[in-house]
Amino acid sequence: MSSNVIVIQDSEFETEVLGNAERPTLAYFWAPWCGPCRLVSPSVEAVAESYADRLKVVKLEVDANPEAVKRCQVEGVPALRLFKGDEVLVSHEGAITKPKLIALLEPHL
């Protein structure tokens, strides 16, 4: 995993995601049993590396973090939520290609 992707827990969500108003934060919700998550993870890591100066990327395992899952209304994995402070700018669930992920994020970076 890229060192630009920060693995967090429910207890860190407020500080790491909602308290980060200086740059957008991409929250990536995943599960070890999720096949599509294995396909999306490399794209999330590539985006974290490419946009490290403009984007913070955090990763949360859904089963271990029910509070963040509920707060972000995650209904399926993989799920992506782009935050600026406590505002959700982009919400996406399901597998996504790297070009489509970049197209979702770029207008907000």
PDB file of N, CA and C in Angstrom:
ATOM      1  N   MET A   1       0.832  -1.183   0.000  1.00  0.00           N
ATOM      2  CA  MET A   1       0.000   0.000   0.000  1.00  0.00           C
ATOM      3  C   MET A   1       0.877   1.246   0.000  1.00  0.00           C
ATOM      4  N   SER A   2       0.412   2.241  -0.702  1.00  0.00           N
ATOM      5  CA  SER A   2       1.137   3.507  -0.796  1.00  0.00           C
ATOM      6  C   SER A   2       1.225   4.195   0.559  1.00  0.00           C
ATOM      7  N   SER A   3       2.355   4.833   0.818  1.00  0.00           N
ATOM      8  CA  SER A   3       2.505   5.572   2.072  1.00  0.00           C
ATOM      9  C   SER A   3       1.647   6.828   2.064  1.00  0.00           C
ATOM     10  N   ASN A   4       1.071   7.176   0.897  1.00  0.00           N
ATOM     11  CA  ASN A   4       0.194   8.335   0.802  1.00  0.00           C
ATOM     12  C   ASN A   4      -1.249   8.015   1.181  1.00  0.00           C
ATOM     13  N   VAL A   5      -1.559   6.730   1.389  1.00  0.00           N
ATOM     14  CA  VAL A   5      -2.889   6.324   1.836  1.00  0.00           C
ATOM     15  C   VAL A   5      -2.805   6.042   3.335  1.00  0.00           C
ATOM     16  N   ILE A   6      -3.606   6.768   4.104  1.00  0.00           N
ATOM     17  CA  ILE A   6      -3.574   6.645   5.559  1.00  0.00           C
ATOM     18  C   ILE A   6      -4.714   5.742   6.006  1.00  0.00           C
ATOM     19  N   VAL A   7      -4.394   4.659   6.682  1.00  0.00           N
ATOM     20  CA  VAL A   7      -5.419   3.757   7.209  1.00  0.00           C
ATOM     21  C   VAL A   7      -5.910   4.330   8.533  1.00  0.00           C
ATOM     22  N   ILE A   8      -7.218   4.564   8.626  1.00  0.00           N
ATOM     23  CA  ILE A   8      -7.776   5.146   9.848  1.00  0.00           C
ATOM     24  C   ILE A   8      -8.911   4.286  10.396  1.00  0.00           C
ATOM     25  N   GLN A   9      -9.327   4.615  11.617  1.00  0.00           N
ATOM     26  CA  GLN A   9     -10.429   3.941  12.303  1.00  0.00           C
ATOM     27  C   GLN A   9     -11.524   4.959  12.586  1.00  0.00           C
ATOM     28  N   ASP A  10     -12.676   4.471  13.048  1.00  0.00           N
ATOM     29  CA  ASP A  10     -13.787   5.353  13.423  1.00  0.00           C
ATOM     30  C   ASP A  10     -13.328   6.508  14.312  1.00  0.00           C
ATOM     31  N   SER A  11     -12.503   6.189  15.292  1.00  0.00           N
ATOM     32  CA  SER A  11     -12.081   7.187  16.280  1.00  0.00           C
ATOM     33  C   SER A  11     -11.277   8.332  15.656  1.00  0.00           C
ATOM     34  N   GLU A  12     -10.701   8.111  14.481  1.00  0.00           N
ATOM     35  CA  GLU A  12      -9.886   9.125  13.814  1.00  0.00           C
ATOM     36  C   GLU A  12     -10.626   9.863  12.700  1.00  0.00           C
ATOM     37  N   PHE A  13     -11.835   9.425  12.374  1.00  0.00           N
ATOM     38  CA  PHE A  13     -12.569   9.971  11.232  1.00  0.00           C
ATOM     39  C   PHE A  13     -12.802  11.481  11.367  1.00  0.00           C
ATOM     40  N   GLU A  14     -13.257  11.894  12.510  1.00  0.00           N
ATOM     41  CA  GLU A  14     -13.544  13.318  12.742  1.00  0.00           C
ATOM     42  C   GLU A  14     -12.309  14.179  12.484  1.00  0.00           C
ATOM     43  N   THR A  15     -11.182  13.792  13.069  1.00  0.00           N
ATOM     44  CA  THR A  15      -9.951  14.571  12.953  1.00  0.00           C
ATOM     45  C   THR A  15      -9.333  14.478  11.559  1.00  0.00           C
ATOM     46  N   GLU A  16      -9.202  13.262  11.044  1.00  0.00           N
ATOM     47  CA  GLU A  16      -8.496  13.043   9.782  1.00  0.00           C
ATOM     48  C   GLU A  16      -9.287  13.468   8.547  1.00  0.00           C
ATOM     49  N   VAL A  17     -10.613  13.374   8.613  1.00  0.00           N
ATOM     50  CA  VAL A  17     -11.435  13.670   7.437  1.00  0.00           C
ATOM     51  C   VAL A  17     -12.177  14.995   7.595  1.00  0.00           C
ATOM     52  N   LEU A  18     -13.044  15.082   8.582  1.00  0.00           N
ATOM     53  CA  LEU A  18     -13.900  16.263   8.731  1.00  0.00           C
ATOM     54  C   LEU A  18     -13.123  17.482   9.202  1.00  0.00           C
ATOM     55  N   GLY A  19     -12.048  17.269   9.926  1.00  0.00           N
ATOM     56  CA  GLY A  19     -11.250  18.378  10.434  1.00  0.00           C
ATOM     57  C   GLY A  19     -10.192  18.868   9.472  1.00  0.00           C
ATOM     58  N   ASN A  20     -10.190  18.340   8.264  1.00  0.00           N
ATOM     59  CA  ASN A  20      -9.174  18.682   7.276  1.00  0.00           C
ATOM     60  C   ASN A  20      -9.770  19.620   6.228  1.00  0.00           C
ATOM     61  N   ALA A  21      -9.804  20.894   6.526  1.00  0.00           N
ATOM     62  CA  ALA A  21     -10.428  21.856   5.615  1.00  0.00           C
ATOM     63  C   ALA A  21      -9.452  22.453   4.594  1.00  0.00           C
ATOM     64  N   GLU A  22      -8.140  22.285   4.795  1.00  0.00           N
ATOM     65  CA  GLU A  22      -7.188  22.935   3.885  1.00  0.00           C
ATOM     66  C   GLU A  22      -7.079  22.246   2.528  1.00  0.00           C
ATOM     67  N   ARG A  23      -7.377  20.959   2.449  1.00  0.00           N
ATOM     68  CA  ARG A  23      -7.389  20.277   1.146  1.00  0.00           C
ATOM     69  C   ARG A  23      -8.442  19.170   1.186  1.00  0.00           C
ATOM     70  N   PRO A  24      -8.961  18.782   0.033  1.00  0.00           N
ATOM     71  CA  PRO A  24      -9.972  17.719   0.007  1.00  0.00           C
ATOM     72  C   PRO A  24      -9.412  16.396   0.539  1.00  0.00           C
ATOM     73  N   THR A  25     -10.293  15.589   1.117  1.00  0.00           N
ATOM     74  CA  THR A  25      -9.929  14.270   1.627  1.00  0.00           C
ATOM     75  C   THR A  25     -10.808  13.222   0.963  1.00  0.00           C
ATOM     76  N   LEU A  26     -10.172  12.227   0.368  1.00  0.00           N
ATOM     77  CA  LEU A  26     -10.885  11.110  -0.229  1.00  0.00           C
ATOM     78  C   LEU A  26     -10.927   9.981   0.788  1.00  0.00           C
ATOM     79  N   ALA A  27     -12.133   9.599   1.196  1.00  0.00           N
ATOM     80  CA  ALA A  27     -12.301   8.460   2.100  1.00  0.00           C
ATOM     81  C   ALA A  27     -12.666   7.244   1.247  1.00  0.00           C
ATOM     82  N   TYR A  28     -11.846   6.202   1.340  1.00  0.00           N
ATOM     83  CA  TYR A  28     -12.027   4.972   0.569  1.00  0.00           C
ATOM     84  C   TYR A  28     -12.475   3.888   1.535  1.00  0.00           C
ATOM     85  N   PHE A  29     -13.700   3.408   1.348  1.00  0.00           N
ATOM     86  CA  PHE A  29     -14.268   2.350   2.184  1.00  0.00           C
ATOM     87  C   PHE A  29     -14.126   1.037   1.432  1.00  0.00           C
ATOM     88  N   TRP A  30     -13.593   0.023   2.115  1.00  0.00           N
ATOM     89  CA  TRP A  30     -13.286  -1.248   1.473  1.00  0.00           C
ATOM     90  C   TRP A  30     -13.520  -2.398   2.451  1.00  0.00           C
ATOM     91  N   ALA A  31     -13.383  -3.608   1.949  1.00  0.00           N
ATOM     92  CA  ALA A  31     -13.467  -4.811   2.783  1.00  0.00           C
ATOM     93  C   ALA A  31     -12.537  -5.870   2.211  1.00  0.00           C
ATOM     94  N   PRO A  32     -11.901  -6.659   3.090  1.00  0.00           N
ATOM     95  CA  PRO A  32     -10.970  -7.682   2.597  1.00  0.00           C
ATOM     96  C   PRO A  32     -11.658  -8.783   1.782  1.00  0.00           C
ATOM     97  N   TRP A  33     -12.946  -8.974   1.992  1.00  0.00           N
ATOM     98  CA  TRP A  33     -13.698 -10.005   1.269  1.00  0.00           C
ATOM     99  C   TRP A  33     -14.267  -9.495  -0.058  1.00  0.00           C
ATOM    100  N   CYS A  34     -14.013  -8.227  -0.394  1.00  0.00           N
ATOM    101  CA  CYS A  34     -14.622  -7.571  -1.555  1.00  0.00           C
ATOM    102  C   CYS A  34     -13.722  -7.674  -2.788  1.00  0.00           C
ATOM    103  N   GLY A  35     -14.149  -8.435  -3.779  1.00  0.00           N
ATOM    104  CA  GLY A  35     -13.388  -8.569  -5.021  1.00  0.00           C
ATOM    105  C   GLY A  35     -13.190  -7.253  -5.753  1.00  0.00           C
ATOM    106  N   PRO A  36     -14.262  -6.467  -5.975  1.00  0.00           N
ATOM    107  CA  PRO A  36     -14.086  -5.178  -6.660  1.00  0.00           C
ATOM    108  C   PRO A  36     -13.144  -4.228  -5.922  1.00  0.00           C
ATOM    109  N   CYS A  37     -13.060  -4.358  -4.589  1.00  0.00           N
ATOM    110  CA  CYS A  37     -12.132  -3.510  -3.828  1.00  0.00           C
ATOM    111  C   CYS A  37     -10.687  -3.780  -4.241  1.00  0.00           C
ATOM    112  N   ARG A  38     -10.392  -5.045  -4.529  1.00  0.00           N
ATOM    113  CA  ARG A  38      -9.030  -5.393  -4.964  1.00  0.00           C
ATOM    114  C   ARG A  38      -8.715  -4.771  -6.326  1.00  0.00           C
ATOM    115  N   LEU A  39      -9.744  -4.547  -7.132  1.00  0.00           N
ATOM    116  CA  LEU A  39      -9.544  -3.909  -8.434  1.00  0.00           C
ATOM    117  C   LEU A  39      -9.377  -2.398  -8.302  1.00  0.00           C
ATOM    118  N   VAL A  40     -10.087  -1.790  -7.357  1.00  0.00           N
ATOM    119  CA  VAL A  40     -10.089  -0.338  -7.185  1.00  0.00           C
ATOM    120  C   VAL A  40      -8.879   0.150  -6.385  1.00  0.00           C
ATOM    121  N   SER A  41      -8.398  -0.654  -5.451  1.00  0.00           N
ATOM    122  CA  SER A  41      -7.303  -0.229  -4.559  1.00  0.00           C
ATOM    123  C   SER A  41      -6.088   0.332  -5.292  1.00  0.00           C
ATOM    124  N   PRO A  42      -5.589  -0.312  -6.358  1.00  0.00           N
ATOM    125  CA  PRO A  42      -4.423   0.265  -7.056  1.00  0.00           C
ATOM    126  C   PRO A  42      -4.704   1.659  -7.629  1.00  0.00           C
ATOM    127  N   SER A  43      -5.926   1.902  -8.092  1.00  0.00           N
ATOM    128  CA  SER A  43      -6.274   3.225  -8.627  1.00  0.00           C
ATOM    129  C   SER A  43      -6.301   4.268  -7.525  1.00  0.00           C
ATOM    130  N   VAL A  44      -6.847   3.896  -6.372  1.00  0.00           N
ATOM    131  CA  VAL A  44      -6.886   4.814  -5.228  1.00  0.00           C
ATOM    132  C   VAL A  44      -5.460   5.147  -4.789  1.00  0.00           C
ATOM    133  N   GLU A  45      -4.607   4.137  -4.738  1.00  0.00           N
ATOM    134  CA  GLU A  45      -3.211   4.364  -4.343  1.00  0.00           C
ATOM    135  C   GLU A  45      -2.484   5.234  -5.366  1.00  0.00           C
ATOM    136  N   ALA A  46      -2.755   5.029  -6.650  1.00  0.00           N
ATOM    137  CA  ALA A  46      -2.116   5.840  -7.695  1.00  0.00           C
ATOM    138  C   ALA A  46      -2.557   7.300  -7.591  1.00  0.00           C
ATOM    139  N   VAL A  47      -3.831   7.528  -7.333  1.00  0.00           N
ATOM    140  CA  VAL A  47      -4.353   8.885  -7.181  1.00  0.00           C
ATOM    141  C   VAL A  47      -3.734   9.541  -5.942  1.00  0.00           C
ATOM    142  N   ALA A  48      -3.617   8.774  -4.862  1.00  0.00           N
ATOM    143  CA  ALA A  48      -3.008   9.295  -3.629  1.00  0.00           C
ATOM    144  C   ALA A  48      -1.580   9.747  -3.890  1.00  0.00           C
ATOM    145  N   GLU A  49      -0.868   8.993  -4.710  1.00  0.00           N
ATOM    146  CA  GLU A  49       0.516   9.338  -5.032  1.00  0.00           C
ATOM    147  C   GLU A  49       0.597  10.534  -5.978  1.00  0.00           C
ATOM    148  N   SER A  50      -0.208  10.503  -7.030  1.00  0.00           N
ATOM    149  CA  SER A  50      -0.172  11.563  -8.042  1.00  0.00           C
ATOM    150  C   SER A  50      -0.611  12.925  -7.510  1.00  0.00           C
ATOM    151  N   TYR A  51      -1.585  12.911  -6.613  1.00  0.00           N
ATOM    152  CA  TYR A  51      -2.160  14.162  -6.116  1.00  0.00           C
ATOM    153  C   TYR A  51      -1.818  14.434  -4.654  1.00  0.00           C
ATOM    154  N   ALA A  52      -0.724  13.891  -4.191  1.00  0.00           N
ATOM    155  CA  ALA A  52      -0.350  14.012  -2.772  1.00  0.00           C
ATOM    156  C   ALA A  52      -0.275  15.462  -2.302  1.00  0.00           C
ATOM    157  N   ASP A  53       0.055  16.370  -3.194  1.00  0.00           N
ATOM    158  CA  ASP A  53       0.163  17.778  -2.817  1.00  0.00           C
ATOM    159  C   ASP A  53      -1.192  18.476  -2.715  1.00  0.00           C
ATOM    160  N   ARG A  54      -2.237  17.862  -3.301  1.00  0.00           N
ATOM    161  CA  ARG A  54      -3.562  18.501  -3.345  1.00  0.00           C
ATOM    162  C   ARG A  54      -4.673  17.688  -2.707  1.00  0.00           C
ATOM    163  N   LEU A  55      -4.388  16.429  -2.353  1.00  0.00           N
ATOM    164  CA  LEU A  55      -5.426  15.510  -1.898  1.00  0.00           C
ATOM    165  C   LEU A  55      -4.907  14.621  -0.774  1.00  0.00           C
ATOM    166  N   LYS A  56      -5.723  14.468   0.247  1.00  0.00           N
ATOM    167  CA  LYS A  56      -5.424  13.517   1.316  1.00  0.00           C
ATOM    168  C   LYS A  56      -6.302  12.291   1.078  1.00  0.00           C
ATOM    169  N   VAL A  57      -5.742  11.096   1.211  1.00  0.00           N
ATOM    170  CA  VAL A  57      -6.500   9.864   0.992  1.00  0.00           C
ATOM    171  C   VAL A  57      -6.444   9.012   2.251  1.00  0.00           C
ATOM    172  N   VAL A  58      -7.636   8.632   2.734  1.00  0.00           N
ATOM    173  CA  VAL A  58      -7.726   7.747   3.892  1.00  0.00           C
ATOM    174  C   VAL A  58      -8.495   6.499   3.497  1.00  0.00           C
ATOM    175  N   LYS A  59      -8.207   5.416   4.191  1.00  0.00           N
ATOM    176  CA  LYS A  59      -8.794   4.113   3.880  1.00  0.00           C
ATOM    177  C   LYS A  59      -9.417   3.554   5.151  1.00  0.00           C
ATOM    178  N   LEU A  60     -10.671   3.108   5.052  1.00  0.00           N
ATOM    179  CA  LEU A  60     -11.368   2.529   6.205  1.00  0.00           C
ATOM    180  C   LEU A  60     -11.967   1.184   5.826  1.00  0.00           C
ATOM    181  N   GLU A  61     -11.710   0.184   6.649  1.00  0.00           N
ATOM    182  CA  GLU A  61     -12.347  -1.113   6.451  1.00  0.00           C
ATOM    183  C   GLU A  61     -13.768  -1.032   7.000  1.00  0.00           C
ATOM    184  N   VAL A  62     -14.757  -1.398   6.192  1.00  0.00           N
ATOM    185  CA  VAL A  62     -16.155  -1.191   6.588  1.00  0.00           C
ATOM    186  C   VAL A  62     -16.574  -1.992   7.815  1.00  0.00           C
ATOM    187  N   ASP A  63     -16.170  -3.246   7.908  1.00  0.00           N
ATOM    188  CA  ASP A  63     -16.614  -4.078   9.026  1.00  0.00           C
ATOM    189  C   ASP A  63     -16.096  -3.572  10.368  1.00  0.00           C
ATOM    190  N   ALA A  64     -14.923  -2.991  10.368  1.00  0.00           N
ATOM    191  CA  ALA A  64     -14.298  -2.528  11.615  1.00  0.00           C
ATOM    192  C   ALA A  64     -14.673  -1.089  11.984  1.00  0.00           C
ATOM    193  N   ASN A  65     -15.361  -0.398  11.090  1.00  0.00           N
ATOM    194  CA  ASN A  65     -15.649   1.029  11.305  1.00  0.00           C
ATOM    195  C   ASN A  65     -17.110   1.384  11.011  1.00  0.00           C
ATOM    196  N   PRO A  66     -18.034   0.816  11.778  1.00  0.00           N
ATOM    197  CA  PRO A  66     -19.458   1.030  11.492  1.00  0.00           C
ATOM    198  C   PRO A  66     -19.924   2.473  11.661  1.00  0.00           C
ATOM    199  N   GLU A  67     -19.288   3.245  12.527  1.00  0.00           N
ATOM    200  CA  GLU A  67     -19.715   4.636  12.728  1.00  0.00           C
ATOM    201  C   GLU A  67     -19.469   5.478  11.474  1.00  0.00           C
ATOM    202  N   ALA A  68     -18.287   5.364  10.892  1.00  0.00           N
ATOM    203  CA  ALA A  68     -17.973   6.118   9.667  1.00  0.00           C
ATOM    204  C   ALA A  68     -18.837   5.629   8.506  1.00  0.00           C
ATOM    205  N   VAL A  69     -19.081   4.328   8.447  1.00  0.00           N
ATOM    206  CA  VAL A  69     -19.931   3.760   7.395  1.00  0.00           C
ATOM    207  C   VAL A  69     -21.335   4.365   7.480  1.00  0.00           C
ATOM    208  N   LYS A  70     -21.869   4.426   8.685  1.00  0.00           N
ATOM    209  CA  LYS A  70     -23.205   4.991   8.884  1.00  0.00           C
ATOM    210  C   LYS A  70     -23.219   6.486   8.567  1.00  0.00           C
ATOM    211  N   ARG A  71     -22.237   7.193   9.060  1.00  0.00           N
ATOM    212  CA  ARG A  71     -22.156   8.645   8.852  1.00  0.00           C
ATOM    213  C   ARG A  71     -22.082   8.993   7.371  1.00  0.00           C
ATOM    214  N   CYS A  72     -21.369   8.187   6.605  1.00  0.00           N
ATOM    215  CA  CYS A  72     -21.193   8.441   5.178  1.00  0.00           C
ATOM    216  C   CYS A  72     -22.225   7.724   4.310  1.00  0.00           C
ATOM    217  N   GLN A  73     -23.164   7.039   4.951  1.00  0.00           N
ATOM    218  CA  GLN A  73     -24.235   6.317   4.256  1.00  0.00           C
ATOM    219  C   GLN A  73     -23.695   5.357   3.200  1.00  0.00           C
ATOM    220  N   VAL A  74     -22.671   4.600   3.588  1.00  0.00           N
ATOM    221  CA  VAL A  74     -22.080   3.604   2.692  1.00  0.00           C
ATOM    222  C   VAL A  74     -22.999   2.387   2.666  1.00  0.00           C
ATOM    223  N   GLU A  75     -23.448   2.034   1.473  1.00  0.00           N
ATOM    224  CA  GLU A  75     -24.343   0.885   1.323  1.00  0.00           C
ATOM    225  C   GLU A  75     -23.679  -0.283   0.614  1.00  0.00           C
ATOM    226  N   GLY A  76     -22.563  -0.036  -0.025  1.00  0.00           N
ATOM    227  CA  GLY A  76     -21.842  -1.093  -0.720  1.00  0.00           C
ATOM    228  C   GLY A  76     -20.382  -0.712  -0.847  1.00  0.00           C
ATOM    229  N   VAL A  77     -19.534  -1.699  -1.091  1.00  0.00           N
ATOM    230  CA  VAL A  77     -18.112  -1.437  -1.254  1.00  0.00           C
ATOM    231  C   VAL A  77     -17.652  -1.955  -2.609  1.00  0.00           C
ATOM    232  N   PRO A  78     -16.637  -1.340  -3.175  1.00  0.00           N
ATOM    233  CA  PRO A  78     -15.908  -0.191  -2.670  1.00  0.00           C
ATOM    234  C   PRO A  78     -16.768   1.076  -2.725  1.00  0.00           C
ATOM    235  N   ALA A  79     -16.479   1.984  -1.806  1.00  0.00           N
ATOM    236  CA  ALA A  79     -17.186   3.264  -1.766  1.00  0.00           C
ATOM    237  C   ALA A  79     -16.173   4.388  -1.597  1.00  0.00           C
ATOM    238  N   LEU A  80     -16.444   5.493  -2.251  1.00  0.00           N
ATOM    239  CA  LEU A  80     -15.573   6.662  -2.190  1.00  0.00           C
ATOM    240  C   LEU A  80     -16.402   7.870  -1.799  1.00  0.00           C
ATOM    241  N   ARG A  81     -15.862   8.670  -0.883  1.00  0.00           N
ATOM    242  CA  ARG A  81     -16.485   9.931  -0.497  1.00  0.00           C
ATOM    243  C   ARG A  81     -15.389  10.988  -0.490  1.00  0.00           C
ATOM    244  N   LEU A  82     -15.596  12.045  -1.250  1.00  0.00           N
ATOM    245  CA  LEU A  82     -14.637  13.146  -1.275  1.00  0.00           C
ATOM    246  C   LEU A  82     -15.190  14.266  -0.402  1.00  0.00           C
ATOM    247  N   PHE A  83     -14.429  14.627   0.619  1.00  0.00           N
ATOM    248  CA  PHE A  83     -14.824  15.654   1.575  1.00  0.00           C
ATOM    249  C   PHE A  83     -13.971  16.893   1.416  1.00  0.00           C
ATOM    250  N   LYS A  84     -14.581  18.023   1.681  1.00  0.00           N
ATOM    251  CA  LYS A  84     -13.845  19.279   1.907  1.00  0.00           C
ATOM    252  C   LYS A  84     -14.403  19.782   3.232  1.00  0.00           C
ATOM    253  N   GLY A  85     -13.606  19.630   4.292  1.00  0.00           N
ATOM    254  CA  GLY A  85     -14.121  19.873   5.638  1.00  0.00           C
ATOM    255  C   GLY A  85     -15.173  18.822   5.933  1.00  0.00           C
ATOM    256  N   ASP A  86     -16.380  19.251   6.325  1.00  0.00           N
ATOM    257  CA  ASP A  86     -17.429  18.266   6.609  1.00  0.00           C
ATOM    258  C   ASP A  86     -18.447  18.140   5.470  1.00  0.00           C
ATOM    259  N   GLU A  87     -18.136  18.740   4.317  1.00  0.00           N
ATOM    260  CA  GLU A  87     -19.036  18.682   3.169  1.00  0.00           C
ATOM    261  C   GLU A  87     -18.616  17.562   2.213  1.00  0.00           C
ATOM    262  N   VAL A  88     -19.581  16.739   1.791  1.00  0.00           N
ATOM    263  CA  VAL A  88     -19.313  15.692   0.808  1.00  0.00           C
ATOM    264  C   VAL A  88     -19.439  16.304  -0.584  1.00  0.00           C
ATOM    265  N   LEU A  89     -18.327  16.288  -1.328  1.00  0.00           N
ATOM    266  CA  LEU A  89     -18.299  16.843  -2.682  1.00  0.00           C
ATOM    267  C   LEU A  89     -18.649  15.803  -3.730  1.00  0.00           C
ATOM    268  N   VAL A  90     -18.191  14.567  -3.506  1.00  0.00           N
ATOM    269  CA  VAL A  90     -18.400  13.470  -4.449  1.00  0.00           C
ATOM    270  C   VAL A  90     -18.710  12.207  -3.661  1.00  0.00           C
ATOM    271  N   SER A  91     -19.664  11.438  -4.168  1.00  0.00           N
ATOM    272  CA  SER A  91     -20.019  10.164  -3.563  1.00  0.00           C
ATOM    273  C   SER A  91     -20.119   9.134  -4.680  1.00  0.00           C
ATOM    274  N   HIS A  92     -19.420   8.015  -4.519  1.00  0.00           N
ATOM    275  CA  HIS A  92     -19.442   6.958  -5.534  1.00  0.00           C
ATOM    276  C   HIS A  92     -19.372   5.600  -4.849  1.00  0.00           C
ATOM    277  N   GLU A  93     -20.178   4.662  -5.329  1.00  0.00           N
ATOM    278  CA  GLU A  93     -20.108   3.284  -4.840  1.00  0.00           C
ATOM    279  C   GLU A  93     -19.962   2.344  -6.020  1.00  0.00           C
ATOM    280  N   GLY A  94     -19.184   1.296  -5.813  1.00  0.00           N
ATOM    281  CA  GLY A  94     -18.945   0.308  -6.853  1.00  0.00           C
ATOM    282  C   GLY A  94     -17.578   0.496  -7.484  1.00  0.00           C
ATOM    283  N   ALA A  95     -17.214  -0.467  -8.309  1.00  0.00           N
ATOM    284  CA  ALA A  95     -15.915  -0.429  -8.965  1.00  0.00           C
ATOM    285  C   ALA A  95     -15.846   0.780  -9.900  1.00  0.00           C
ATOM    286  N   ILE A  96     -14.655   1.318 -10.032  1.00  0.00           N
ATOM    287  CA  ILE A  96     -14.428   2.484 -10.884  1.00  0.00           C
ATOM    288  C   ILE A  96     -13.025   2.376 -11.475  1.00  0.00           C
ATOM    289  N   THR A  97     -12.897   2.766 -12.731  1.00  0.00           N
ATOM    290  CA  THR A  97     -11.583   2.735 -13.365  1.00  0.00           C
ATOM    291  C   THR A  97     -10.773   3.947 -12.919  1.00  0.00           C
ATOM    292  N   LYS A  98      -9.475   3.859 -13.101  1.00  0.00           N
ATOM    293  CA  LYS A  98      -8.607   4.979 -12.724  1.00  0.00           C
ATOM    294  C   LYS A  98      -8.960   6.255 -13.496  1.00  0.00           C
ATOM    295  N   PRO A  99      -9.173   6.186 -14.832  1.00  0.00           N
ATOM    296  CA  PRO A  99      -9.540   7.425 -15.549  1.00  0.00           C
ATOM    297  C   PRO A  99     -10.849   8.041 -15.040  1.00  0.00           C
ATOM    298  N   LYS A 100     -11.831   7.209 -14.711  1.00  0.00           N
ATOM    299  CA  LYS A 100     -13.101   7.740 -14.204  1.00  0.00           C
ATOM    300  C   LYS A 100     -12.929   8.319 -12.806  1.00  0.00           C
ATOM    301  N   LEU A 101     -12.094   7.695 -12.004  1.00  0.00           N
ATOM    302  CA  LEU A 101     -11.807   8.224 -10.670  1.00  0.00           C
ATOM    303  C   LEU A 101     -11.156   9.602 -10.776  1.00  0.00           C
ATOM    304  N   ILE A 102     -10.192   9.726 -11.646  1.00  0.00           N
ATOM    305  CA  ILE A 102      -9.513  11.016 -11.855  1.00  0.00           C
ATOM    306  C   ILE A 102     -10.518  12.059 -12.343  1.00  0.00           C
ATOM    307  N   ALA A 103     -11.397  11.672 -13.269  1.00  0.00           N
ATOM    308  CA  ALA A 103     -12.398  12.606 -13.783  1.00  0.00           C
ATOM    309  C   ALA A 103     -13.355  13.057 -12.683  1.00  0.00           C
ATOM    310  N   LEU A 104     -13.668  12.188 -11.735  1.00  0.00           N
ATOM    311  CA  LEU A 104     -14.520  12.563 -10.597  1.00  0.00           C
ATOM    312  C   LEU A 104     -13.821  13.562  -9.690  1.00  0.00           C
ATOM    313  N   LEU A 105     -12.531  13.348  -9.454  1.00  0.00           N
ATOM    314  CA  LEU A 105     -11.780  14.152  -8.480  1.00  0.00           C
ATOM    315  C   LEU A 105     -11.280  15.484  -9.012  1.00  0.00           C
ATOM    316  N   GLU A 106     -10.821  15.496 -10.255  1.00  0.00           N
ATOM    317  CA  GLU A 106     -10.132  16.681 -10.800  1.00  0.00           C
ATOM    318  C   GLU A 106     -10.873  17.997 -10.629  1.00  0.00           C
ATOM    319  N   PRO A 107     -12.187  18.066 -10.844  1.00  0.00           N
ATOM    320  CA  PRO A 107     -12.860  19.369 -10.689  1.00  0.00           C
ATOM    321  C   PRO A 107     -12.767  19.952  -9.269  1.00  0.00           C
ATOM    322  N   HIS A 108     -12.446  19.114  -8.308  1.00  0.00           N
ATOM    323  CA  HIS A 108     -12.417  19.542  -6.906  1.00  0.00           C
ATOM    324  C   HIS A 108     -11.010  19.757  -6.361  1.00  0.00           C
ATOM    325  N   LEU A 109     -10.004  19.531  -7.200  1.00  0.00           N
ATOM    326  CA  LEU A 109      -8.618  19.629  -6.744  1.00  0.00           C
ATOM    327  C   LEU A 109      -7.961  20.922  -7.197  1.00  0.00           C
TER     328      LEU A 109
END
